[in-house]
């Protein structure tokens, strides 16, 4: 479920976001991928592989940032009440890709404050303990499960790093209802947090050939989608219309776009 914090003063109070039903093109794109997975082994003799990024693809990680900012707010409530009041107006929907942009939306622009919040956020965002705040995109657990049950090997290929985020990622996947710890499920994380995500995936994607044929690839970053399409031209490559790095490249013409994973 997609949940948004209403106001920090009412800890534990949440609002269920209401979204319109998926557009027909989304259903028309996702359903055939499941069908393709189901028929691929018989047609080619090799296992079908479906690759999913995690952050901003299977998960909305804006609630993670919001939780961290609300914790910062509590710490400065007495010493910097004007900053606390401004942070108190934030909701998950207002969280931007860049933290500085998020702070700007609530009127926090002083460089020393932005630097202090950024330090606080960075120490926590890439940390196992905060991954529990991520919210699965609508339909994501069901769609991943459908791909696996159709005979696909599911690969979670994420820019999260092993040392700081492995145990939290495992717990989050299990708690969120994604298939895990069973045959046909792979989890691949960065060995080093300092390795750029695109470079990591450029090196990891060719190794998936030992599992089977990549038939579908899902990611929020256009650069990663374009890379996957170049490596696997016959695969269905799908970009999630969530968040992306500023000044991202244009998507290749044959990369599809969806808002989430709902089929109905």
C-alpha atoms as a PDB file:
ATOM      1  CA  UNK A   1       0.000   0.000   0.000  1.00  0.00           C
ATOM      2  CA  UNK A   2       1.163   3.489  -0.793  1.00  0.00           C
ATOM      3  CA  UNK A   3       1.078   5.472   2.445  1.00  0.00           C
ATOM      4  CA  UNK A   4       1.898   9.106   3.045  1.00  0.00           C
ATOM      5  CA  UNK A   5       2.643  10.742   6.396  1.00  0.00           C
ATOM      6  CA  UNK A   6       0.065  13.407   7.100  1.00  0.00           C
ATOM      7  CA  UNK A   7       1.888  15.529   9.674  1.00  0.00           C
ATOM      8  CA  UNK A   8       4.877  14.814  11.921  1.00  0.00           C
ATOM      9  CA  UNK A   9       2.999  16.017  14.993  1.00  0.00           C
ATOM     10  CA  UNK A  10       0.750  12.985  14.664  1.00  0.00           C
ATOM     11  CA  UNK A  11       3.321  10.216  14.519  1.00  0.00           C
ATOM     12  CA  UNK A  12       1.751   7.089  13.115  1.00  0.00           C
ATOM     13  CA  UNK A  13      -0.958   8.987  11.210  1.00  0.00           C
ATOM     14  CA  UNK A  14      -0.983   8.101   7.543  1.00  0.00           C
ATOM     15  CA  UNK A  15      -2.992   8.826   4.445  1.00  0.00           C
ATOM     16  CA  UNK A  16      -3.715   6.241   1.773  1.00  0.00           C
ATOM     17  CA  UNK A  17      -2.935   7.841  -1.562  1.00  0.00           C
ATOM     18  CA  UNK A  18      -5.758   7.556  -4.085  1.00  0.00           C
ATOM     19  CA  UNK A  19      -4.619   6.946  -7.636  1.00  0.00           C
ATOM     20  CA  UNK A  20      -6.600   6.504 -10.842  1.00  0.00           C
ATOM     21  CA  UNK A  21      -6.610   3.019 -12.385  1.00  0.00           C
ATOM     22  CA  UNK A  22      -3.636   2.122 -14.607  1.00  0.00           C
ATOM     23  CA  UNK A  23      -3.719   3.322 -18.184  1.00  0.00           C
ATOM     24  CA  UNK A  24      -4.590   0.655 -20.771  1.00  0.00           C
ATOM     25  CA  UNK A  25      -1.085   0.781 -22.226  1.00  0.00           C
ATOM     26  CA  UNK A  26       0.338  -0.278 -18.860  1.00  0.00           C
ATOM     27  CA  UNK A  27      -1.846  -3.367 -18.664  1.00  0.00           C
ATOM     28  CA  UNK A  28      -1.149  -4.048 -22.319  1.00  0.00           C
ATOM     29  CA  UNK A  29       2.578  -3.926 -21.648  1.00  0.00           C
ATOM     30  CA  UNK A  30       2.895  -5.809 -18.370  1.00  0.00           C
ATOM     31  CA  UNK A  31       0.528  -8.724 -19.021  1.00  0.00           C
ATOM     32  CA  UNK A  32       2.362  -9.847 -22.197  1.00  0.00           C
ATOM     33  CA  UNK A  33       5.657  -9.849 -20.284  1.00  0.00           C
ATOM     34  CA  UNK A  34       4.248 -12.470 -17.909  1.00  0.00           C
ATOM     35  CA  UNK A  35       3.021 -14.456 -20.920  1.00  0.00           C
ATOM     36  CA  UNK A  36       6.420 -14.177 -22.572  1.00  0.00           C
ATOM     37  CA  UNK A  37       8.115 -15.430 -19.424  1.00  0.00           C
ATOM     38  CA  UNK A  38       5.757 -18.392 -19.306  1.00  0.00           C
ATOM     39  CA  UNK A  39       6.517 -19.449 -22.874  1.00  0.00           C
ATOM     40  CA  UNK A  40      10.198 -18.611 -23.184  1.00  0.00           C
ATOM     41  CA  UNK A  41      11.750 -21.816 -21.853  1.00  0.00           C
ATOM     42  CA  UNK A  42       9.724 -23.991 -24.218  1.00  0.00           C
ATOM     43  CA  UNK A  43      10.641 -21.812 -27.181  1.00  0.00           C
ATOM     44  CA  UNK A  44      14.353 -21.349 -26.508  1.00  0.00           C
ATOM     45  CA  UNK A  45      15.379 -24.063 -24.096  1.00  0.00           C
ATOM     46  CA  UNK A  46      16.818 -21.426 -21.745  1.00  0.00           C
ATOM     47  CA  UNK A  47      15.363 -19.923 -18.610  1.00  0.00           C
ATOM     48  CA  UNK A  48      13.749 -16.474 -18.867  1.00  0.00           C
ATOM     49  CA  UNK A  49      15.327 -13.842 -16.614  1.00  0.00           C
ATOM     50  CA  UNK A  50      13.460 -10.762 -15.356  1.00  0.00           C
ATOM     51  CA  UNK A  51      15.560  -8.009 -13.800  1.00  0.00           C
ATOM     52  CA  UNK A  52      14.244  -5.454 -11.295  1.00  0.00           C
ATOM     53  CA  UNK A  53      15.953  -2.468  -9.719  1.00  0.00           C
ATOM     54  CA  UNK A  54      14.723  -1.675  -6.203  1.00  0.00           C
ATOM     55  CA  UNK A  55      14.815   2.024  -5.292  1.00  0.00           C
ATOM     56  CA  UNK A  56      12.237   4.063  -7.238  1.00  0.00           C
ATOM     57  CA  UNK A  57      11.439   0.909  -9.237  1.00  0.00           C
ATOM     58  CA  UNK A  58       9.926  -1.719  -6.958  1.00  0.00           C
ATOM     59  CA  UNK A  59       9.996   0.630  -3.969  1.00  0.00           C
ATOM     60  CA  UNK A  60       9.075   4.225  -3.310  1.00  0.00           C
ATOM     61  CA  UNK A  61      11.921   5.334  -1.043  1.00  0.00           C
ATOM     62  CA  UNK A  62      10.568   8.825  -0.406  1.00  0.00           C
ATOM     63  CA  UNK A  63       9.046   7.686   2.927  1.00  0.00           C
ATOM     64  CA  UNK A  64      12.585   6.702   3.986  1.00  0.00           C
ATOM     65  CA  UNK A  65      13.815  10.231   3.385  1.00  0.00           C
ATOM     66  CA  UNK A  66      10.725  11.664   5.060  1.00  0.00           C
ATOM     67  CA  UNK A  67      11.279   9.554   8.182  1.00  0.00           C
ATOM     68  CA  UNK A  68      14.876  10.758   8.426  1.00  0.00           C
ATOM     69  CA  UNK A  69      13.839  14.389   8.025  1.00  0.00           C
ATOM     70  CA  UNK A  70      11.182  13.988  10.714  1.00  0.00           C
ATOM     71  CA  UNK A  71      13.793  12.559  13.072  1.00  0.00           C
ATOM     72  CA  UNK A  72      16.011  15.551  12.336  1.00  0.00           C
ATOM     73  CA  UNK A  73      13.032  17.793  13.000  1.00  0.00           C
ATOM     74  CA  UNK A  74      12.552  16.266  16.436  1.00  0.00           C
ATOM     75  CA  UNK A  75      16.213  16.874  17.269  1.00  0.00           C
ATOM     76  CA  UNK A  76      16.082  20.585  16.374  1.00  0.00           C
ATOM     77  CA  UNK A  77      12.556  21.253  17.626  1.00  0.00           C
ATOM     78  CA  UNK A  78      13.750  23.256  20.626  1.00  0.00           C
ATOM     79  CA  UNK A  79      16.976  24.742  19.284  1.00  0.00           C
ATOM     80  CA  UNK A  80      15.758  25.680  15.788  1.00  0.00           C
ATOM     81  CA  UNK A  81      11.959  25.850  15.942  1.00  0.00           C
ATOM     82  CA  UNK A  82      11.684  27.750  12.642  1.00  0.00           C
ATOM     83  CA  UNK A  83      13.497  24.935  10.821  1.00  0.00           C
ATOM     84  CA  UNK A  84      11.369  22.345  12.602  1.00  0.00           C
ATOM     85  CA  UNK A  85       8.187  24.159  11.563  1.00  0.00           C
ATOM     86  CA  UNK A  86       9.269  24.228   7.923  1.00  0.00           C
ATOM     87  CA  UNK A  87      10.154  20.532   7.938  1.00  0.00           C
ATOM     88  CA  UNK A  88       6.797  19.841   9.537  1.00  0.00           C
ATOM     89  CA  UNK A  89       5.050  20.771   6.301  1.00  0.00           C
ATOM     90  CA  UNK A  90       6.746  18.054   4.275  1.00  0.00           C
ATOM     91  CA  UNK A  91       4.945  14.988   2.941  1.00  0.00           C
ATOM     92  CA  UNK A  92       6.333  12.061   0.978  1.00  0.00           C
ATOM     93  CA  UNK A  93       4.860  13.477  -2.217  1.00  0.00           C
ATOM     94  CA  UNK A  94       7.026  16.590  -1.849  1.00  0.00           C
ATOM     95  CA  UNK A  95      10.287  14.663  -1.509  1.00  0.00           C
ATOM     96  CA  UNK A  96      12.485  15.268  -4.561  1.00  0.00           C
ATOM     97  CA  UNK A  97      15.390  13.292  -5.987  1.00  0.00           C
ATOM     98  CA  UNK A  98      17.889  15.821  -4.590  1.00  0.00           C
ATOM     99  CA  UNK A  99      17.667  16.547  -0.892  1.00  0.00           C
ATOM    100  CA  UNK A 100      18.490  20.216  -1.512  1.00  0.00           C
ATOM    101  CA  UNK A 101      15.440  20.460  -3.778  1.00  0.00           C
ATOM    102  CA  UNK A 102      13.293  18.828  -1.110  1.00  0.00           C
ATOM    103  CA  UNK A 103      14.439  21.342   1.472  1.00  0.00           C
ATOM    104  CA  UNK A 104      13.841  24.194  -0.951  1.00  0.00           C
ATOM    105  CA  UNK A 105      10.181  23.178  -1.304  1.00  0.00           C
ATOM    106  CA  UNK A 106       9.660  24.012   2.363  1.00  0.00           C
ATOM    107  CA  UNK A 107      11.778  27.155   2.340  1.00  0.00           C
ATOM    108  CA  UNK A 108      15.046  25.825   3.785  1.00  0.00           C
ATOM    109  CA  UNK A 109      17.883  27.289   1.730  1.00  0.00           C
ATOM    110  CA  UNK A 110      20.548  28.531   4.177  1.00  0.00           C
ATOM    111  CA  UNK A 111      23.733  26.717   3.182  1.00  0.00           C
ATOM    112  CA  UNK A 112      24.771  25.779   6.713  1.00  0.00           C
ATOM    113  CA  UNK A 113      21.355  24.291   7.459  1.00  0.00           C
ATOM    114  CA  UNK A 114      21.209  22.414   4.153  1.00  0.00           C
ATOM    115  CA  UNK A 115      24.699  21.025   4.825  1.00  0.00           C
ATOM    116  CA  UNK A 116      23.748  19.871   8.329  1.00  0.00           C
ATOM    117  CA  UNK A 117      20.515  18.203   7.174  1.00  0.00           C
ATOM    118  CA  UNK A 118      22.360  16.561   4.295  1.00  0.00           C
ATOM    119  CA  UNK A 119      24.992  15.136   6.629  1.00  0.00           C
ATOM    120  CA  UNK A 120      22.280  13.793   8.931  1.00  0.00           C
ATOM    121  CA  UNK A 121      20.353  12.299   6.011  1.00  0.00           C
ATOM    122  CA  UNK A 122      23.395  10.708   4.386  1.00  0.00           C
ATOM    123  CA  UNK A 123      24.402   8.957   7.603  1.00  0.00           C
ATOM    124  CA  UNK A 124      21.006   7.239   7.704  1.00  0.00           C
ATOM    125  CA  UNK A 125      19.602   6.858   4.189  1.00  0.00           C
ATOM    126  CA  UNK A 126      22.105   4.198   3.101  1.00  0.00           C
ATOM    127  CA  UNK A 127      21.546   2.191   6.245  1.00  0.00           C
ATOM    128  CA  UNK A 128      19.803  -1.117   6.922  1.00  0.00           C
ATOM    129  CA  UNK A 129      17.695   0.285   9.751  1.00  0.00           C
ATOM    130  CA  UNK A 130      15.787   2.734   7.557  1.00  0.00           C
ATOM    131  CA  UNK A 131      14.858   0.447   4.648  1.00  0.00           C
ATOM    132  CA  UNK A 132      11.738  -0.664   6.502  1.00  0.00           C
ATOM    133  CA  UNK A 133      10.196   2.717   5.697  1.00  0.00           C
ATOM    134  CA  UNK A 134      10.227   2.096   1.927  1.00  0.00           C
ATOM    135  CA  UNK A 135       6.827   1.437   0.377  1.00  0.00           C
ATOM    136  CA  UNK A 136       6.385  -1.058  -2.491  1.00  0.00           C
ATOM    137  CA  UNK A 137       5.014   0.516  -5.648  1.00  0.00           C
ATOM    138  CA  UNK A 138       1.430  -0.457  -6.272  1.00  0.00           C
ATOM    139  CA  UNK A 139       1.168  -3.908  -7.793  1.00  0.00           C
ATOM    140  CA  UNK A 140       4.908  -4.570  -7.516  1.00  0.00           C
ATOM    141  CA  UNK A 141       4.925  -7.646  -5.219  1.00  0.00           C
ATOM    142  CA  UNK A 142       2.121  -9.284  -7.214  1.00  0.00           C
ATOM    143  CA  UNK A 143       3.802  -8.623 -10.555  1.00  0.00           C
ATOM    144  CA  UNK A 144       7.205  -9.927  -9.431  1.00  0.00           C
ATOM    145  CA  UNK A 145       5.511 -12.981  -7.957  1.00  0.00           C
ATOM    146  CA  UNK A 146       3.620 -13.558 -11.213  1.00  0.00           C
ATOM    147  CA  UNK A 147       6.869 -13.445 -13.199  1.00  0.00           C
ATOM    148  CA  UNK A 148       8.443 -15.971 -10.848  1.00  0.00           C
ATOM    149  CA  UNK A 149       5.428 -18.283 -10.847  1.00  0.00           C
ATOM    150  CA  UNK A 150       5.395 -18.169 -14.649  1.00  0.00           C
ATOM    151  CA  UNK A 151       8.846 -19.758 -14.605  1.00  0.00           C
ATOM    152  CA  UNK A 152      11.080 -16.704 -14.630  1.00  0.00           C
ATOM    153  CA  UNK A 153      14.297 -16.261 -12.727  1.00  0.00           C
ATOM    154  CA  UNK A 154      13.864 -13.004 -10.835  1.00  0.00           C
ATOM    155  CA  UNK A 155      16.963 -10.883 -10.337  1.00  0.00           C
ATOM    156  CA  UNK A 156      16.891  -7.953  -7.930  1.00  0.00           C
ATOM    157  CA  UNK A 157      19.757  -5.838  -9.291  1.00  0.00           C
ATOM    158  CA  UNK A 158      20.223  -2.839  -7.042  1.00  0.00           C
ATOM    159  CA  UNK A 159      22.676  -0.040  -6.438  1.00  0.00           C
ATOM    160  CA  UNK A 160      22.423  -0.671  -2.709  1.00  0.00           C
ATOM    161  CA  UNK A 161      25.709  -1.885  -1.214  1.00  0.00           C
ATOM    162  CA  UNK A 162      26.444  -5.145   0.560  1.00  0.00           C
ATOM    163  CA  UNK A 163      28.109  -3.787   3.700  1.00  0.00           C
ATOM    164  CA  UNK A 164      25.487  -1.191   4.572  1.00  0.00           C
ATOM    165  CA  UNK A 165      22.211  -2.433   3.128  1.00  0.00           C
ATOM    166  CA  UNK A 166      22.175  -6.207   2.614  1.00  0.00           C
ATOM    167  CA  UNK A 167      20.349  -7.325   5.753  1.00  0.00           C
ATOM    168  CA  UNK A 168      17.831  -4.479   5.567  1.00  0.00           C
ATOM    169  CA  UNK A 169      17.138  -5.248   1.922  1.00  0.00           C
ATOM    170  CA  UNK A 170      16.505  -8.920   2.666  1.00  0.00           C
ATOM    171  CA  UNK A 171      14.138  -8.037   5.518  1.00  0.00           C
ATOM    172  CA  UNK A 172      12.330  -5.452   3.413  1.00  0.00           C
ATOM    173  CA  UNK A 173      11.803  -7.817   0.484  1.00  0.00           C
ATOM    174  CA  UNK A 174      10.429 -10.521   2.758  1.00  0.00           C
ATOM    175  CA  UNK A 175       8.242  -8.174   4.786  1.00  0.00           C
ATOM    176  CA  UNK A 176       6.848  -6.520   1.649  1.00  0.00           C
ATOM    177  CA  UNK A 177       5.704  -9.794   0.107  1.00  0.00           C
ATOM    178  CA  UNK A 178       8.261 -10.052  -2.692  1.00  0.00           C
ATOM    179  CA  UNK A 179       9.420 -13.590  -3.513  1.00  0.00           C
ATOM    180  CA  UNK A 180      12.725 -14.306  -1.797  1.00  0.00           C
ATOM    181  CA  UNK A 181      14.874 -17.132  -0.400  1.00  0.00           C
ATOM    182  CA  UNK A 182      13.456 -19.654  -2.871  1.00  0.00           C
ATOM    183  CA  UNK A 183      14.758 -21.221  -6.076  1.00  0.00           C
ATOM    184  CA  UNK A 184      14.817 -18.825  -8.994  1.00  0.00           C
ATOM    185  CA  UNK A 185      15.480 -15.652  -6.970  1.00  0.00           C
ATOM    186  CA  UNK A 186      18.761 -13.729  -7.132  1.00  0.00           C
ATOM    187  CA  UNK A 187      19.809 -10.605  -5.219  1.00  0.00           C
ATOM    188  CA  UNK A 188      22.786  -8.638  -6.543  1.00  0.00           C
ATOM    189  CA  UNK A 189      24.118  -5.613  -4.642  1.00  0.00           C
ATOM    190  CA  UNK A 190      27.128  -3.379  -5.148  1.00  0.00           C
ATOM    191  CA  UNK A 191      30.285  -4.724  -3.491  1.00  0.00           C
ATOM    192  CA  UNK A 192      31.430  -1.165  -2.761  1.00  0.00           C
ATOM    193  CA  UNK A 193      29.213   1.801  -1.917  1.00  0.00           C
ATOM    194  CA  UNK A 194      31.549   4.166  -3.769  1.00  0.00           C
ATOM    195  CA  UNK A 195      31.034   2.386  -7.099  1.00  0.00           C
ATOM    196  CA  UNK A 196      28.705   4.435  -9.351  1.00  0.00           C
ATOM    197  CA  UNK A 197      25.417   2.655 -10.005  1.00  0.00           C
ATOM    198  CA  UNK A 198      25.683   2.764 -13.793  1.00  0.00           C
ATOM    199  CA  UNK A 199      29.208   1.366 -13.747  1.00  0.00           C
ATOM    200  CA  UNK A 200      28.104  -1.386 -11.367  1.00  0.00           C
ATOM    201  CA  UNK A 201      25.193  -2.409 -13.574  1.00  0.00           C
ATOM    202  CA  UNK A 202      27.310  -2.198 -16.723  1.00  0.00           C
ATOM    203  CA  UNK A 203      29.558  -4.819 -15.194  1.00  0.00           C
ATOM    204  CA  UNK A 204      26.800  -6.944 -13.651  1.00  0.00           C
ATOM    205  CA  UNK A 205      24.385  -7.235 -16.568  1.00  0.00           C
ATOM    206  CA  UNK A 206      26.613  -9.426 -18.790  1.00  0.00           C
ATOM    207  CA  UNK A 207      26.984 -11.957 -15.959  1.00  0.00           C
ATOM    208  CA  UNK A 208      23.252 -12.682 -16.068  1.00  0.00           C
ATOM    209  CA  UNK A 209      23.804 -14.778 -19.174  1.00  0.00           C
ATOM    210  CA  UNK A 210      24.809 -17.675 -16.947  1.00  0.00           C
ATOM    211  CA  UNK A 211      21.250 -17.703 -15.557  1.00  0.00           C
ATOM    212  CA  UNK A 212      19.385 -17.645 -18.854  1.00  0.00           C
ATOM    213  CA  UNK A 213      18.012 -15.077 -21.297  1.00  0.00           C
ATOM    214  CA  UNK A 214      17.091 -11.616 -20.047  1.00  0.00           C
ATOM    215  CA  UNK A 215      13.550 -11.117 -21.355  1.00  0.00           C
ATOM    216  CA  UNK A 216      12.555  -8.064 -19.280  1.00  0.00           C
ATOM    217  CA  UNK A 217      14.336  -5.296 -17.394  1.00  0.00           C
ATOM    218  CA  UNK A 218      12.816  -2.665 -15.074  1.00  0.00           C
ATOM    219  CA  UNK A 219      14.595   0.425 -13.760  1.00  0.00           C
ATOM    220  CA  UNK A 220      13.830   4.057 -12.991  1.00  0.00           C
ATOM    221  CA  UNK A 221      17.021   5.508 -14.461  1.00  0.00           C
ATOM    222  CA  UNK A 222      17.024   6.204 -18.219  1.00  0.00           C
ATOM    223  CA  UNK A 223      20.777   5.542 -18.460  1.00  0.00           C
ATOM    224  CA  UNK A 224      20.330   2.041 -17.020  1.00  0.00           C
ATOM    225  CA  UNK A 225      17.341   1.338 -19.255  1.00  0.00           C
ATOM    226  CA  UNK A 226      19.240   2.443 -22.349  1.00  0.00           C
ATOM    227  CA  UNK A 227      22.206   0.321 -21.302  1.00  0.00           C
ATOM    228  CA  UNK A 228      20.004  -2.755 -20.838  1.00  0.00           C
ATOM    229  CA  UNK A 229      18.318  -2.226 -24.202  1.00  0.00           C
ATOM    230  CA  UNK A 230      21.686  -2.004 -25.920  1.00  0.00           C
ATOM    231  CA  UNK A 231      22.875  -5.211 -24.233  1.00  0.00           C
ATOM    232  CA  UNK A 232      19.599  -7.135 -24.620  1.00  0.00           C
ATOM    233  CA  UNK A 233      17.872  -5.743 -27.728  1.00  0.00           C
ATOM    234  CA  UNK A 234      15.190  -8.442 -27.698  1.00  0.00           C
ATOM    235  CA  UNK A 235      14.210  -7.818 -24.066  1.00  0.00           C
ATOM    236  CA  UNK A 236      11.271  -5.727 -22.924  1.00  0.00           C
ATOM    237  CA  UNK A 237      12.934  -2.785 -21.195  1.00  0.00           C
ATOM    238  CA  UNK A 238      10.634  -0.678 -19.020  1.00  0.00           C
ATOM    239  CA  UNK A 239      11.312   2.602 -17.227  1.00  0.00           C
ATOM    240  CA  UNK A 240       9.385   3.473 -14.082  1.00  0.00           C
ATOM    241  CA  UNK A 241       7.970   6.981 -14.143  1.00  0.00           C
ATOM    242  CA  UNK A 242       8.997   7.764 -10.574  1.00  0.00           C
ATOM    243  CA  UNK A 243      12.200   9.687  -9.819  1.00  0.00           C
ATOM    244  CA  UNK A 244      15.404   9.943 -11.810  1.00  0.00           C
ATOM    245  CA  UNK A 245      18.738  11.687 -11.606  1.00  0.00           C
ATOM    246  CA  UNK A 246      18.642  15.315 -12.777  1.00  0.00           C
ATOM    247  CA  UNK A 247      19.681  15.810 -16.398  1.00  0.00           C
ATOM    248  CA  UNK A 248      19.163  12.135 -17.182  1.00  0.00           C
ATOM    249  CA  UNK A 249      19.518  11.169 -20.845  1.00  0.00           C
ATOM    250  CA  UNK A 250      16.470  10.725 -23.018  1.00  0.00           C
ATOM    251  CA  UNK A 251      15.058   7.214 -23.104  1.00  0.00           C
ATOM    252  CA  UNK A 252      15.767   5.161 -26.179  1.00  0.00           C
ATOM    253  CA  UNK A 253      12.780   4.975 -28.525  1.00  0.00           C
ATOM    254  CA  UNK A 254      12.139   1.293 -27.763  1.00  0.00           C
ATOM    255  CA  UNK A 255      12.065   1.684 -23.952  1.00  0.00           C
ATOM    256  CA  UNK A 256       8.532   1.638 -22.537  1.00  0.00           C
ATOM    257  CA  UNK A 257       7.309   3.661 -19.546  1.00  0.00           C
ATOM    258  CA  UNK A 258       4.866   2.718 -16.772  1.00  0.00           C
ATOM    259  CA  UNK A 259       3.749   4.430 -13.552  1.00  0.00           C
ATOM    260  CA  UNK A 260       3.678   1.289 -11.397  1.00  0.00           C
ATOM    261  CA  UNK A 261       2.960  -2.444 -11.675  1.00  0.00           C
ATOM    262  CA  UNK A 262      -0.814  -2.589 -11.481  1.00  0.00           C
ATOM    263  CA  UNK A 263      -2.571  -4.786 -14.013  1.00  0.00           C
ATOM    264  CA  UNK A 264      -6.089  -3.800 -12.973  1.00  0.00           C
END
